[in-house]
Amino acid sequence: MVFIYLIVIGWISLSIWAVMDIAKYPYNKRMRKLVWTNIVVLFPFIGLLIYLMIGRKSLLSA
């Protein structure tokens, strides 16, 4: 049971970090920020993985 709690706490922590990471970068297109935030929040596990693999790179290059 403790293992499940650790996974949930880790997931919540990574989700909060991802939203804060999205928020700190200035964007030329505000819509991109909104789209990535929605992906991370609305699709909890998959959205976070997609952001970590694809989104962060695209945001850094924008």
Protein backbone atom coordinates (compact mmCIF):
# COMPACT_ATOMS: atom_id res chain seq x y z
CA MET A 1 0.00 0.00 0.00
CA VAL A 2 2.88 2.35 0.76
CA PHE A 3 4.25 1.72 -2.73
CA ILE A 4 1.00 2.97 -4.29
CA TYR A 5 1.13 6.12 -2.17
CA LEU A 6 4.70 6.77 -3.29
CA ILE A 7 3.72 6.37 -6.94
CA VAL A 8 0.77 8.76 -6.53
CA ILE A 9 2.89 11.34 -4.69
CA GLY A 10 5.59 11.07 -7.36
CA TRP A 11 3.06 11.48 -10.16
CA ILE A 12 1.48 14.53 -8.51
CA SER A 13 4.92 16.05 -7.93
CA LEU A 14 5.93 15.52 -11.57
CA SER A 15 2.63 16.97 -12.78
CA ILE A 16 3.09 20.09 -10.65
CA TRP A 17 6.67 20.41 -11.88
CA ALA A 18 5.55 20.06 -15.52
CA VAL A 19 2.89 22.77 -15.18
CA MET A 20 5.39 25.08 -13.47
CA ASP A 21 7.96 24.30 -16.17
CA ILE A 22 5.45 25.15 -18.89
CA ALA A 23 4.50 28.38 -17.11
CA LYS A 24 8.05 29.70 -16.73
CA TYR A 25 8.99 29.73 -20.43
CA PRO A 26 7.99 32.79 -22.47
CA TYR A 27 6.27 31.85 -25.69
CA ASN A 28 5.64 33.71 -28.89
CA LYS A 29 2.43 31.74 -29.23
CA ARG A 30 0.36 31.74 -26.04
CA MET A 31 -1.78 28.91 -27.37
CA ARG A 32 1.18 26.49 -27.22
CA LYS A 33 1.45 27.02 -23.47
CA LEU A 34 -2.28 26.41 -23.03
CA VAL A 35 -2.21 23.26 -25.14
CA TRP A 36 0.68 21.69 -23.21
CA THR A 37 -0.88 22.57 -19.86
CA ASN A 38 -4.14 20.94 -20.93
CA ILE A 39 -2.36 17.83 -22.18
CA VAL A 40 -0.53 17.39 -18.86
CA VAL A 41 -3.63 18.02 -16.74
CA LEU A 42 -6.31 16.22 -18.78
CA PHE A 43 -4.30 13.11 -19.67
CA PRO A 44 -2.49 12.40 -16.40
CA PHE A 45 0.02 9.63 -17.12
CA ILE A 46 0.25 9.73 -20.90
CA GLY A 47 0.21 13.53 -21.05
CA LEU A 48 3.09 13.79 -18.60
CA LEU A 49 5.16 11.28 -20.55
CA ILE A 50 4.43 13.04 -23.84
CA TYR A 51 5.45 16.38 -22.33
CA LEU A 52 8.69 14.97 -20.94
CA MET A 53 9.61 13.29 -24.24
CA ILE A 54 8.35 15.79 -26.84
CA GLY A 55 6.96 18.94 -25.29
CA ARG A 56 9.92 20.14 -23.31
CA LYS A 57 12.17 20.01 -26.38
CA SER A 58 9.66 21.91 -28.50
CA LEU A 59 9.22 24.54 -25.81
CA LEU A 60 12.94 25.08 -25.41
CA SER A 61 13.36 25.58 -29.14
CA ALA A 62 10.38 27.97 -29.44
